Amino acid sequence: MKSIGRIVEAMDPERAMGEIAQVVKGLFAHVSEKVRLDFICALTGDADKGSVPGLVHL
């Protein structure tokens, strides 16, 4: 089975981001707000979690 990274590397970057967004959107429905916030902070590299909570409720 291919790793997610290998699949994404083989795709056009814009298409890959669109596909990833759809997958993450589906996953967000199944995890807690804390997990969503941690994900967004890891994605943005934001050390101050206070500046992104509004993004979690997408």
Foldseek 3Di string as FASTA:
>chain_A
DDDLVVVLVVDDVVVSVVVVVVVVVVVLVVDDLVVLLVVVCVVVVPPDSVVPSVVSVD
